Amino acid sequence: MPIGLINVTNLARVRRPLRLGWRIFIILAFLLFICLWLALIAQSEDLRRLLIGGSFALWFLIVVGVLLLSLLVALFSKGDFARFVFALVSGVTTLLILLLLLIVAYVIGTMPQVGSPSLIILLVLALIGFALCWDFIIRPGYLLFLSLIPFGRPKAFRQQVVASLLVWSGRWKGREEPQVFVPGERRPLTPGAYYRLALGVVSFVIGSLFVALAMFSLVNVNFLPAIYHLEFSNAWQMLINFQITSPGSSWDTLGAEILEAMNSLLVIVLGIFCFFVFGYFWTQWQRENTSFHRVPLLQHMTSPDLLLLRSFKDDVKFVGRTTNNILMIPFTVYGWSFTFEQLIVNRLKYLGKVRLLDIEQDNTELLEKWWLRGFVKLLGEERLKKLFSAIFPASWHRLPAKGGIRYYIDTQGDEKKWQEEIEKAMSIARMIIVLLGTTKSLNWEIGRIEELHFSEKTVFVMPPLVFKKNYQARWQQFTEHVCQTLGYDKELLRKVDPKRVLAACIRNHTLVLITGKGNSRSLLYEAAVDVATILVVADSAQSNKMIQKYLT
């Protein structure tokens, strides 16, 4: 049986330039460096003599005007013209930056008063600037250029981008049937819910204050020592007058500045910890206010809907949000509160409602964890239950995670009740999403998908995990299933790194593995879900063409 391997790493990276935030950033960066160049030309007689042969400035402004008009036209578009314009402007911006760095390096080299400590600081700043330029300008612009090449090796990548854009725009939605909107119910808030929310808000305010103070201490080395010594009036004067200390000119002073920088870094770490505290309590508040249904799932299941199957313990898998705003990066550390289920639902909401079955029960298994056995002996089970219910209600009561539409079923210890419900929902659903796991119930669901011949409309997704052994365990169970039931080559699948596997699907008896590598896990998963949607429920001719390109 053939196996296809699709790598969506570049497709995930090109998703950033397709977003509005990155495009606005490129326009602002382009205008900034244009202004810097015009200022250099106006201030430097040698540069004017070298560049302005009488008409250089005029032609320079004409080119800038044409590019800016093209940028404004392409700002809200994602087609070939828009990608070409932003790739071109990214290249021009990179060229302007490189020329500016050469001029700065030449000026610094001709200044005898510049000491070695200052050179080291300038070198570090230059490396940081180059890293930001590479991540936010050069690489996205290069990927946009590759997404336009209609021949050669980048052709398959171009097809990925074009097909992903068609899915993104909702062009392949189809099945425009009336949706059933039934308001769900919410459980009563647990005791202390408002106090936990207030504690989270206070943590966010303190974290923001810590980060702001640490940023100011980077330009004034006397600011944090004044706070440490409780000299608040002196620190306040530094702040309101925006007093800036000049960098040291000797190695001894440089060492003191490095020590102060480490203190600033420590304050930033404390601020980030406060953001994590806020993220935790904010997540609990969201889960306590998430609605659910106690009616049978089949009363609301329609053919455009999607069915999500997973292990209950995977409801709290988190994946970091992505942002294109550099200034907001410190404030997005609480993005771990964004669940993996939310990512899938947000990505597939244009297709239909994502529905899933759940069981309402307390997490009594939590007390059996090895790291809690000492607390059980010390406090007793009842006191520990009350403690979890007061401080960690989301963990104890298995509160529903924010994401899909949940339907609670009372099994009363009879597994056949939820199994019959799931089987009927499988036959109705337009697409089935399975989060790979190792539980017996999930293994039964995967087996029924194959027995009922629903593999062609199923997407298997590898959730984000921490340890590689967990990836191995889930991948091994999945590969054993497809090898035994469908006859795929087990030795070939063993060579695949499970940590890079994002999703898998079966199309025309071909097992298609969607892989990716990178730090932006949410972008990788979004790209993988896009490609899987193309293969499973989108245009069949386009999906067959993509499979043939990636057969291995």
Protein backbone atom coordinates (compact mmCIF):
# COMPACT_ATOMS: atom_id res chain seq x y z
CA MET A 1 0.00 0.00 0.00
CA PRO A 2 1.46 3.42 -0.93
CA ILE A 3 2.45 5.97 1.70
CA GLY A 4 2.63 9.72 1.06
CA LEU A 5 4.69 12.15 3.14
CA ILE A 6 3.79 15.86 3.04
CA ASN A 7 6.00 18.39 4.83
CA VAL A 8 4.13 21.58 5.76
CA THR A 9 7.00 23.41 7.48
CA ASN A 10 7.26 26.11 4.80
CA LEU A 11 3.49 26.33 4.49
CA ALA A 12 3.30 27.02 8.23
CA ARG A 13 5.94 29.73 7.92
CA VAL A 14 4.22 31.39 4.98
CA ARG A 15 1.02 31.71 7.02
CA ARG A 16 2.62 34.59 8.93
CA PRO A 17 2.99 36.82 5.82
CA LEU A 18 -0.62 36.05 4.90
CA ARG A 19 -1.81 37.71 8.10
CA LEU A 20 -2.68 41.37 8.38
CA GLY A 21 -0.36 42.06 11.33
CA TRP A 22 2.77 41.02 9.42
CA ARG A 23 1.78 43.12 6.39
CA ILE A 24 1.29 46.25 8.45
CA PHE A 25 4.66 45.59 10.11
CA ILE A 26 6.37 45.33 6.70
CA ILE A 27 4.81 48.59 5.52
CA LEU A 28 5.96 50.41 8.67
CA ALA A 29 9.46 48.90 8.44
CA PHE A 30 9.68 49.90 4.78
CA LEU A 31 8.65 53.49 5.57
CA LEU A 32 11.10 53.64 8.50
CA PHE A 33 14.13 52.68 6.45
CA ILE A 34 13.07 54.92 3.59
CA CYS A 35 13.00 57.86 6.02
CA LEU A 36 16.42 56.85 7.40
CA TRP A 37 17.90 56.78 3.91
CA LEU A 38 16.42 60.14 2.98
CA ALA A 39 17.83 61.58 6.22
CA LEU A 40 21.28 60.13 5.44
CA ILE A 41 21.21 61.54 1.92
CA ALA A 42 20.21 64.97 3.24
CA GLN A 43 22.90 65.03 5.96
CA SER A 44 25.87 63.47 4.16
CA GLU A 45 27.61 65.48 1.46
CA ASP A 46 29.73 62.49 0.40
CA LEU A 47 26.66 60.27 0.09
CA ARG A 48 24.85 62.87 -2.01
CA ARG A 49 27.86 63.20 -4.27
CA LEU A 50 28.11 59.41 -4.59
CA LEU A 51 24.44 58.59 -5.18
CA ILE A 52 22.78 61.66 -6.62
CA GLY A 53 23.87 61.97 -10.16
CA GLY A 54 21.24 64.62 -10.61
CA SER A 55 18.19 62.36 -10.61
CA PHE A 56 18.75 59.53 -8.09
CA ALA A 57 16.59 61.10 -5.38
CA LEU A 58 13.77 61.68 -7.86
CA TRP A 59 13.80 58.10 -9.14
CA PHE A 60 14.12 56.83 -5.57
CA LEU A 61 10.95 58.65 -4.52
CA ILE A 62 9.11 57.47 -7.65
CA VAL A 63 9.95 53.82 -6.88
CA VAL A 64 8.92 54.29 -3.25
CA GLY A 65 5.61 55.84 -4.30
CA VAL A 66 4.84 53.00 -6.72
CA LEU A 67 5.66 50.37 -4.10
CA LEU A 68 3.54 52.09 -1.45
CA LEU A 69 0.55 52.27 -3.79
CA SER A 70 1.00 48.59 -4.64
CA LEU A 71 1.22 47.75 -0.94
CA LEU A 72 -2.03 49.55 -0.19
CA VAL A 73 -3.76 47.68 -3.03
CA ALA A 74 -2.36 44.31 -1.89
CA LEU A 75 -2.86 44.85 1.84
CA PHE A 76 -6.17 42.98 2.10
CA SER A 77 -5.50 40.40 -0.59
CA LYS A 78 -3.71 37.04 -0.50
CA GLY A 79 -3.48 36.34 -4.23
CA ASP A 80 -0.41 36.09 -6.47
CA PHE A 81 -0.16 39.86 -6.95
CA ALA A 82 -0.27 40.56 -3.20
CA ARG A 83 2.34 37.91 -2.40
CA PHE A 84 4.62 39.19 -5.16
CA VAL A 85 4.37 42.79 -3.92
CA PHE A 86 5.16 41.89 -0.33
CA ALA A 87 8.01 39.60 -1.41
CA LEU A 88 9.43 42.47 -3.48
CA VAL A 89 9.07 45.02 -0.68
CA SER A 90 10.64 42.59 1.79
CA GLY A 91 13.63 42.26 -0.55
CA VAL A 92 13.95 46.03 -0.94
CA THR A 93 13.70 46.53 2.84
CA THR A 94 16.40 43.89 3.40
CA LEU A 95 18.67 45.65 0.87
CA LEU A 96 18.13 49.02 2.58
CA ILE A 97 18.97 47.47 5.96
CA LEU A 98 22.17 45.88 4.66
CA LEU A 99 23.35 49.12 3.06
CA LEU A 100 22.54 51.00 6.25
CA LEU A 101 24.56 48.49 8.30
CA LEU A 102 27.51 48.89 5.94
CA ILE A 103 27.42 52.66 6.35
CA VAL A 104 27.16 52.37 10.14
CA ALA A 105 30.06 49.90 10.22
CA TYR A 106 32.17 52.26 8.10
CA VAL A 107 31.39 55.23 10.37
CA ILE A 108 32.20 53.25 13.52
CA GLY A 109 35.45 51.99 12.00
CA THR A 110 36.61 55.54 11.31
CA MET A 111 35.87 56.77 14.85
CA PRO A 112 39.00 56.37 17.03
CA GLN A 113 37.20 57.26 20.27
CA VAL A 114 35.02 54.15 20.21
CA GLY A 115 36.27 51.66 22.84
CA SER A 116 36.09 47.90 22.84
CA PRO A 117 33.15 47.67 25.34
CA SER A 118 31.05 49.91 23.12
CA LEU A 119 31.98 47.81 20.09
CA ILE A 120 30.85 44.66 21.91
CA ILE A 121 27.52 46.26 22.82
CA LEU A 122 27.02 47.44 19.24
CA LEU A 123 27.90 43.97 17.94
CA VAL A 124 25.34 42.33 20.26
CA LEU A 125 22.69 44.84 19.18
CA ALA A 126 23.55 44.17 15.53
CA LEU A 127 23.18 40.40 16.02
CA ILE A 128 19.81 40.85 17.73
CA GLY A 129 18.68 43.15 14.93
CA PHE A 130 19.79 40.66 12.28
CA ALA A 131 17.92 37.82 14.03
CA LEU A 132 14.73 39.89 14.11
CA CYS A 133 15.24 40.93 10.49
CA TRP A 134 15.76 37.29 9.47
CA ASP A 135 12.67 36.03 11.30
CA PHE A 136 10.27 38.85 10.42
CA ILE A 137 11.47 40.12 7.01
CA ILE A 138 13.97 37.96 5.10
CA ARG A 139 12.58 34.43 5.58
CA PRO A 140 8.87 35.34 5.16
CA GLY A 141 9.70 37.35 2.02
CA TYR A 142 11.71 34.44 0.58
CA LEU A 143 8.87 32.01 1.26
CA LEU A 144 6.41 34.35 -0.44
CA PHE A 145 8.71 34.36 -3.47
CA LEU A 146 8.82 30.54 -3.48
CA SER A 147 5.03 30.40 -3.32
CA LEU A 148 4.89 32.13 -6.73
CA ILE A 149 7.30 29.94 -8.74
CA PRO A 150 5.22 27.79 -11.15
CA PHE A 151 7.97 25.29 -12.02
CA GLY A 152 10.83 23.31 -10.54
CA ARG A 153 11.13 22.10 -6.95
CA PRO A 154 9.01 24.91 -5.37
CA LYS A 155 6.03 23.97 -7.56
CA ALA A 156 4.63 21.53 -4.99
CA PHE A 157 4.99 24.18 -2.29
CA ARG A 158 3.14 26.65 -4.51
CA GLN A 159 0.29 24.17 -4.85
CA GLN A 160 0.19 23.81 -1.06
CA VAL A 161 -0.11 27.56 -0.60
CA VAL A 162 -2.78 28.01 -3.27
CA ALA A 163 -4.86 25.09 -2.00
CA SER A 164 -4.51 26.33 1.59
CA LEU A 165 -5.74 29.77 0.53
CA LEU A 166 -8.79 28.22 -1.13
CA VAL A 167 -9.59 26.35 2.08
CA TRP A 168 -8.88 29.43 4.18
CA SER A 169 -11.31 31.53 2.16
CA GLY A 170 -14.10 28.98 2.69
CA ARG A 171 -14.38 28.27 -1.03
CA TRP A 172 -14.70 24.53 -0.39
CA LYS A 173 -17.19 24.81 2.44
CA GLY A 174 -20.21 23.34 0.64
CA ARG A 175 -23.27 21.72 2.25
CA GLU A 176 -24.98 24.99 3.09
CA GLU A 177 -27.65 23.50 5.32
CA PRO A 178 -29.41 25.36 8.13
CA GLN A 179 -27.45 25.08 11.37
CA VAL A 180 -29.16 24.19 14.63
CA PHE A 181 -28.30 26.68 17.38
CA VAL A 182 -29.45 25.50 20.78
CA PRO A 183 -28.16 27.38 23.86
CA GLY A 184 -26.47 25.12 26.36
CA GLU A 185 -26.49 25.22 30.12
CA ARG A 186 -23.78 26.21 32.58
CA ARG A 187 -22.94 24.60 35.88
CA PRO A 188 -23.04 26.75 39.05
CA LEU A 189 -19.76 28.47 39.81
CA THR A 190 -17.58 26.68 42.34
CA PRO A 191 -16.92 28.44 45.69
CA GLY A 192 -14.26 31.14 45.41
CA ALA A 193 -14.54 31.58 41.62
CA TYR A 194 -14.59 35.39 41.80
CA TYR A 195 -11.65 35.44 44.24
CA ARG A 196 -9.59 33.30 41.86
CA LEU A 197 -10.45 35.61 38.97
CA ALA A 198 -9.48 38.66 41.05
CA LEU A 199 -6.17 36.99 41.94
CA GLY A 200 -5.52 36.37 38.24
CA VAL A 201 -6.25 40.01 37.34
CA VAL A 202 -3.94 41.24 40.11
CA SER A 203 -1.21 38.90 38.83
CA PHE A 204 -1.58 40.34 35.32
CA VAL A 205 -1.32 43.92 36.61
CA ILE A 206 1.77 43.07 38.70
CA GLY A 207 3.37 41.24 35.76
CA SER A 208 2.78 44.20 33.45
CA LEU A 209 4.30 46.54 36.05
CA PHE A 210 7.36 44.31 36.49
CA VAL A 211 8.00 44.14 32.75
CA ALA A 212 7.59 47.92 32.35
CA LEU A 213 10.02 48.64 35.23
CA ALA A 214 12.55 46.13 33.89
CA MET A 215 12.43 47.74 30.44
CA PHE A 216 13.14 51.18 31.92
CA SER A 217 15.98 49.78 34.04
CA LEU A 218 17.78 48.75 30.82
CA VAL A 219 18.32 52.43 29.97
CA ASN A 220 18.84 53.62 33.56
CA VAL A 221 21.11 51.38 35.64
CA ASN A 222 20.32 53.34 38.83
CA PHE A 223 16.58 52.70 38.68
CA LEU A 224 16.36 49.16 40.13
CA PRO A 225 18.96 49.84 42.89
CA ALA A 226 16.86 52.80 44.00
CA ILE A 227 13.82 50.53 44.28
CA TYR A 228 15.83 47.84 46.10
CA HIS A 229 16.92 50.44 48.68
CA LEU A 230 13.31 51.71 49.03
CA GLU A 231 14.24 55.11 47.56
CA PHE A 232 10.88 55.40 45.81
CA SER A 233 10.94 59.21 45.47
CA ASN A 234 14.29 59.04 43.70
CA ALA A 235 13.05 56.25 41.42
CA TRP A 236 9.88 58.23 40.68
CA GLN A 237 11.91 61.27 39.63
CA MET A 238 13.99 59.09 37.30
CA LEU A 239 10.81 57.73 35.78
CA ILE A 240 8.82 60.94 35.24
CA ASN A 241 11.91 62.81 33.93
CA PHE A 242 12.94 59.79 31.82
CA GLN A 243 16.56 59.99 32.99
CA ILE A 244 18.88 57.81 30.90
CA THR A 245 22.36 56.78 32.02
CA SER A 246 25.13 56.73 29.43
CA PRO A 247 26.91 53.40 28.70
CA GLY A 248 30.23 52.81 30.42
CA SER A 249 33.55 53.28 28.67
CA SER A 250 35.61 50.80 30.69
CA TRP A 251 35.48 47.09 31.39
CA ASP A 252 34.73 47.67 35.11
CA THR A 253 31.72 49.82 34.32
CA LEU A 254 30.64 47.33 31.66
CA GLY A 255 30.70 44.55 34.28
CA ALA A 256 28.45 46.59 36.55
CA GLU A 257 26.06 47.22 33.64
CA ILE A 258 25.95 43.50 32.88
CA LEU A 259 25.08 42.82 36.54
CA GLU A 260 22.28 45.37 36.39
CA ALA A 261 21.07 43.81 33.15
CA MET A 262 20.88 40.45 34.94
CA ASN A 263 18.77 42.09 37.66
CA SER A 264 16.46 43.47 34.99
CA LEU A 265 16.22 40.01 33.45
CA LEU A 266 15.25 38.57 36.84
CA VAL A 267 12.45 41.13 37.18
CA ILE A 268 11.22 40.22 33.68
CA VAL A 269 11.18 36.54 34.66
CA LEU A 270 9.08 37.38 37.73
CA GLY A 271 6.72 39.36 35.52
CA ILE A 272 6.39 36.42 33.11
CA PHE A 273 5.63 34.13 36.06
CA CYS A 274 2.80 36.50 37.05
CA PHE A 275 1.45 36.21 33.49
CA PHE A 276 1.45 32.42 33.83
CA VAL A 277 -0.50 32.73 37.10
CA PHE A 278 -3.00 34.95 35.31
CA GLY A 279 -3.25 32.45 32.44
CA TYR A 280 -3.99 29.60 34.83
CA PHE A 281 -6.78 31.36 36.73
CA TRP A 282 -8.22 32.89 33.55
CA THR A 283 -8.37 29.40 31.99
CA GLN A 284 -10.25 28.08 35.03
CA TRP A 285 -12.72 30.97 34.79
CA GLN A 286 -13.31 30.23 31.09
CA ARG A 287 -13.89 26.55 31.79
CA GLU A 288 -16.33 27.31 34.61
CA ASN A 289 -18.35 29.49 32.20
CA THR A 290 -18.29 27.08 29.25
CA SER A 291 -21.74 25.88 28.21
CA PHE A 292 -22.62 22.24 27.55
CA HIS A 293 -25.66 20.10 26.71
CA ARG A 294 -27.28 17.20 28.53
CA VAL A 295 -29.52 16.22 25.60
CA PRO A 296 -28.46 13.41 23.24
CA LEU A 297 -25.86 14.39 20.65
CA LEU A 298 -27.92 12.98 17.76
CA GLN A 299 -30.73 15.48 18.35
CA HIS A 300 -28.52 18.26 16.99
CA MET A 301 -26.02 16.40 14.75
CA THR A 302 -26.37 17.37 11.06
CA SER A 303 -24.44 16.40 7.94
CA PRO A 304 -22.26 19.58 7.82
CA ASP A 305 -21.06 18.93 11.39
CA LEU A 306 -17.73 17.48 12.45
CA LEU A 307 -17.12 14.90 15.16
CA LEU A 308 -14.11 15.11 17.49
CA LEU A 309 -12.88 11.93 19.18
CA ARG A 310 -10.17 12.03 21.84
CA SER A 311 -9.07 10.77 25.25
CA PHE A 312 -10.57 12.78 28.10
CA LYS A 313 -7.10 13.57 29.45
CA ASP A 314 -6.28 15.37 26.18
CA ASP A 315 -8.95 18.03 26.79
CA VAL A 316 -6.34 20.23 28.48
CA LYS A 317 -3.59 19.98 25.87
CA PHE A 318 -2.34 23.51 25.31
CA VAL A 319 -0.65 25.11 22.34
CA GLY A 320 0.83 28.62 22.34
CA ARG A 321 -0.87 31.36 20.41
CA THR A 322 1.04 33.07 17.61
CA THR A 323 1.46 36.80 17.24
CA ASN A 324 3.10 39.10 14.73
CA ASN A 325 3.34 42.01 17.17
CA ILE A 326 6.84 42.18 18.70
CA LEU A 327 5.72 44.53 21.49
CA MET A 328 3.02 42.10 22.62
CA ILE A 329 5.30 39.04 22.92
CA PRO A 330 5.90 39.47 26.72
CA PHE A 331 2.12 39.65 27.29
CA THR A 332 1.34 36.49 25.31
CA VAL A 333 3.13 34.07 27.63
CA TYR A 334 -0.28 33.21 29.09
CA GLY A 335 -1.12 31.87 25.60
CA TRP A 336 -0.64 28.37 27.01
CA SER A 337 -4.26 28.76 28.15
CA PHE A 338 -5.24 28.37 24.48
CA THR A 339 -6.25 24.71 24.23
CA PHE A 340 -5.43 22.46 21.32
CA GLU A 341 -9.14 21.79 20.98
CA GLN A 342 -9.74 25.53 20.48
CA LEU A 343 -7.14 25.59 17.71
CA ILE A 344 -8.87 22.77 15.82
CA VAL A 345 -12.32 24.30 16.28
CA ASN A 346 -11.16 27.77 15.16
CA ARG A 347 -9.48 26.28 12.11
CA LEU A 348 -12.47 24.20 11.01
CA LYS A 349 -15.39 26.44 12.01
CA TYR A 350 -15.95 27.45 8.36
CA LEU A 351 -16.79 23.79 7.58
CA GLY A 352 -19.32 23.23 10.35
CA LYS A 353 -19.86 22.82 14.07
CA VAL A 354 -17.35 20.62 15.92
CA ARG A 355 -19.29 18.38 18.31
CA LEU A 356 -18.02 15.88 20.87
CA LEU A 357 -19.29 13.56 23.55
CA ASP A 358 -18.28 13.89 27.21
CA ILE A 359 -18.95 12.25 30.57
CA GLU A 360 -19.49 14.33 33.72
CA GLN A 361 -17.46 12.98 36.61
CA ASP A 362 -14.95 14.01 39.26
CA ASN A 363 -11.26 13.32 38.72
CA THR A 364 -10.82 10.83 41.57
CA GLU A 365 -7.79 9.37 39.76
CA LEU A 366 -5.92 12.57 40.59
CA LEU A 367 -5.43 11.48 44.20
CA GLU A 368 -3.63 8.34 43.03
CA LYS A 369 -0.75 10.30 41.47
CA TRP A 370 2.62 9.52 43.01
CA TRP A 371 3.39 13.16 43.77
CA LEU A 372 0.17 13.52 45.79
CA ARG A 373 0.45 10.42 47.97
CA GLY A 374 2.32 12.32 50.70
CA PHE A 375 -0.37 15.04 50.80
CA VAL A 376 -3.09 12.37 50.99
CA LYS A 377 -1.46 10.87 54.08
CA LEU A 378 -0.86 14.30 55.63
CA LEU A 379 -4.22 15.99 54.97
CA GLY A 380 -6.54 13.08 54.27
CA GLU A 381 -8.62 12.50 51.16
CA GLU A 382 -11.59 14.67 52.15
CA ARG A 383 -9.48 17.74 52.97
CA LEU A 384 -7.47 17.31 49.78
CA LYS A 385 -10.71 17.06 47.77
CA LYS A 386 -11.93 20.33 49.30
CA LEU A 387 -8.56 21.96 48.56
CA PHE A 388 -8.66 20.91 44.91
CA SER A 389 -12.28 21.96 44.60
CA ALA A 390 -11.45 25.43 45.98
CA ILE A 391 -8.14 26.17 44.19
CA PHE A 392 -8.03 23.80 41.23
CA PRO A 393 -11.71 23.17 40.33
CA ALA A 394 -10.97 22.67 36.64
CA SER A 395 -8.68 19.73 37.47
CA TRP A 396 -10.95 18.12 40.07
CA HIS A 397 -14.39 18.47 38.43
CA ARG A 398 -13.13 17.83 34.85
CA LEU A 399 -14.69 21.12 33.78
CA PRO A 400 -15.30 21.27 30.01
CA ALA A 401 -12.47 22.84 28.01
CA LYS A 402 -13.29 25.77 25.78
CA GLY A 403 -13.67 24.71 22.17
CA GLY A 404 -16.22 22.36 20.61
CA ILE A 405 -19.88 21.84 21.52
CA ARG A 406 -20.08 19.27 24.32
CA TYR A 407 -22.84 16.78 25.00
CA TYR A 408 -22.83 15.01 28.35
CA ILE A 409 -24.12 11.46 28.51
CA ASP A 410 -24.98 9.50 31.65
CA THR A 411 -23.60 6.01 30.98
CA GLN A 412 -24.41 4.59 34.47
CA GLY A 413 -21.48 2.23 34.00
CA ASP A 414 -22.77 0.84 30.69
CA GLU A 415 -20.28 1.47 27.88
CA LYS A 416 -22.77 0.46 25.18
CA LYS A 417 -24.69 3.72 25.69
CA TRP A 418 -21.88 6.00 24.58
CA GLN A 419 -20.64 3.50 21.97
CA GLU A 420 -24.02 3.45 20.22
CA GLU A 421 -24.15 7.26 20.34
CA ILE A 422 -20.67 7.55 18.81
CA GLU A 423 -21.37 5.05 16.02
CA LYS A 424 -24.48 6.93 14.89
CA ALA A 425 -22.64 10.26 15.07
CA MET A 426 -19.81 8.84 12.93
CA SER A 427 -22.23 8.01 10.12
CA ILE A 428 -23.76 11.51 10.14
CA ALA A 429 -20.60 13.62 10.53
CA ARG A 430 -19.02 15.21 7.49
CA MET A 431 -15.52 14.73 8.89
CA ILE A 432 -14.14 12.88 11.91
CA ILE A 433 -11.13 14.27 13.78
CA VAL A 434 -9.30 11.79 16.01
CA LEU A 435 -6.64 12.91 18.50
CA LEU A 436 -4.24 9.97 18.72
CA GLY A 437 -4.08 8.42 22.17
CA THR A 438 -3.47 5.18 24.04
CA THR A 439 -6.76 4.60 25.89
CA LYS A 440 -8.93 1.53 25.26
CA SER A 441 -12.01 3.58 24.41
CA LEU A 442 -10.15 5.58 21.75
CA ASN A 443 -8.66 2.38 20.34
CA TRP A 444 -12.19 0.97 20.05
CA GLU A 445 -13.36 4.13 18.25
CA ILE A 446 -10.49 3.90 15.74
CA GLY A 447 -11.35 0.25 15.13
CA ARG A 448 -15.00 1.07 14.49
CA ILE A 449 -14.01 3.79 12.02
CA GLU A 450 -12.25 1.16 9.92
CA GLU A 451 -15.02 -1.45 10.29
CA LEU A 452 -17.71 1.03 9.25
CA HIS A 453 -15.54 2.26 6.29
CA PHE A 454 -15.27 5.85 7.53
CA SER A 455 -11.47 6.07 7.09
CA GLU A 456 -11.79 8.26 3.99
CA LYS A 457 -13.43 11.06 5.98
CA THR A 458 -11.21 10.78 9.07
CA VAL A 459 -8.22 12.91 10.03
CA PHE A 460 -5.86 11.54 12.70
CA VAL A 461 -4.06 14.33 14.59
CA MET A 462 -1.05 13.95 16.89
CA PRO A 463 -1.66 16.34 19.84
CA PRO A 464 1.20 18.43 21.26
CA LEU A 465 3.07 16.50 23.96
CA VAL A 466 6.03 17.14 26.25
CA PHE A 467 8.10 13.95 26.16
CA LYS A 468 9.22 12.01 23.12
CA LYS A 469 8.23 8.68 24.70
CA ASN A 470 4.60 9.84 24.73
CA TYR A 471 4.82 10.52 20.99
CA GLN A 472 6.32 7.06 20.52
CA ALA A 473 3.53 5.33 22.47
CA ARG A 474 0.72 7.02 20.51
CA TRP A 475 2.46 6.55 17.19
CA GLN A 476 3.12 2.87 17.87
CA GLN A 477 -0.55 2.19 18.64
CA PHE A 478 -1.65 4.00 15.47
CA THR A 479 0.89 2.26 13.20
CA GLU A 480 0.01 -1.17 14.61
CA HIS A 481 -3.65 -0.51 13.81
CA VAL A 482 -3.11 0.63 10.20
CA CYS A 483 -0.58 -2.14 9.52
CA GLN A 484 -2.84 -4.91 10.84
CA THR A 485 -6.09 -3.71 9.28
CA LEU A 486 -4.90 -2.00 6.09
CA GLY A 487 -1.61 -3.77 5.36
CA TYR A 488 0.83 -0.85 5.33
CA ASP A 489 4.59 -1.41 5.63
CA LYS A 490 5.42 -1.44 9.34
CA GLU A 491 9.17 -1.09 8.81
CA LEU A 492 8.68 2.00 6.68
CA LEU A 493 6.47 3.65 9.29
CA ARG A 494 9.02 2.95 12.02
CA LYS A 495 11.49 5.23 10.24
CA VAL A 496 9.15 8.21 10.68
CA ASP A 497 9.93 10.50 13.61
CA PRO A 498 6.61 10.63 15.55
CA LYS A 499 7.48 14.00 17.05
CA ARG A 500 7.34 15.55 13.57
CA VAL A 501 4.02 13.91 12.66
CA LEU A 502 1.18 16.43 12.85
CA ALA A 503 -1.67 14.60 11.16
CA ALA A 504 -2.49 11.59 9.00
CA CYS A 505 -5.34 10.60 6.72
CA ILE A 506 -6.25 7.87 4.22
CA ARG A 507 -7.18 8.86 0.69
CA ASN A 508 -7.71 6.37 -2.15
CA HIS A 509 -6.02 3.64 -0.07
CA THR A 510 -2.98 5.90 0.37
CA LEU A 511 -1.78 6.68 3.87
CA VAL A 512 -0.79 10.37 3.84
CA LEU A 513 1.42 11.55 6.71
CA ILE A 514 1.58 15.33 7.26
CA THR A 515 4.78 16.35 9.02
CA GLY A 516 6.46 19.57 10.08
CA LYS A 517 9.31 20.93 12.16
CA GLY A 518 9.63 24.26 13.93
CA ASN A 519 8.92 26.25 17.08
CA SER A 520 5.58 27.76 16.00
CA ARG A 521 3.52 24.66 16.79
CA SER A 522 0.19 26.41 16.32
CA LEU A 523 1.11 27.54 12.79
CA LEU A 524 2.30 24.01 11.97
CA TYR A 525 -0.94 22.46 13.20
CA GLU A 526 -3.03 25.03 11.31
CA ALA A 527 -1.16 24.20 8.11
CA ALA A 528 -1.50 20.45 8.74
CA VAL A 529 -5.26 20.75 9.35
CA ASP A 530 -5.55 22.79 6.14
CA VAL A 531 -3.82 20.11 4.04
CA ALA A 532 -5.81 17.32 5.72
CA THR A 533 -9.04 19.19 4.97
CA ILE A 534 -8.02 19.47 1.31
CA LEU A 535 -7.40 15.73 1.15
CA VAL A 536 -10.52 14.61 3.05
CA VAL A 537 -13.46 16.94 2.33
CA ALA A 538 -12.25 19.44 -0.27
CA ASP A 539 -11.99 19.18 -4.04
CA SER A 540 -11.17 15.56 -4.97
CA ALA A 541 -9.24 16.42 -8.15
CA GLN A 542 -6.97 18.82 -6.27
CA SER A 543 -6.39 16.33 -3.44
CA ASN A 544 -5.51 13.50 -5.85
CA LYS A 545 -3.02 15.79 -7.60
CA MET A 546 -1.38 16.66 -4.27
CA ILE A 547 -1.12 13.02 -3.21
CA GLN A 548 0.66 12.05 -6.42
CA LYS A 549 3.24 14.77 -5.78
CA TYR A 550 4.15 13.39 -2.36
CA LEU A 551 4.03 9.61 -2.77
CA THR A 552 7.01 7.83 -1.16
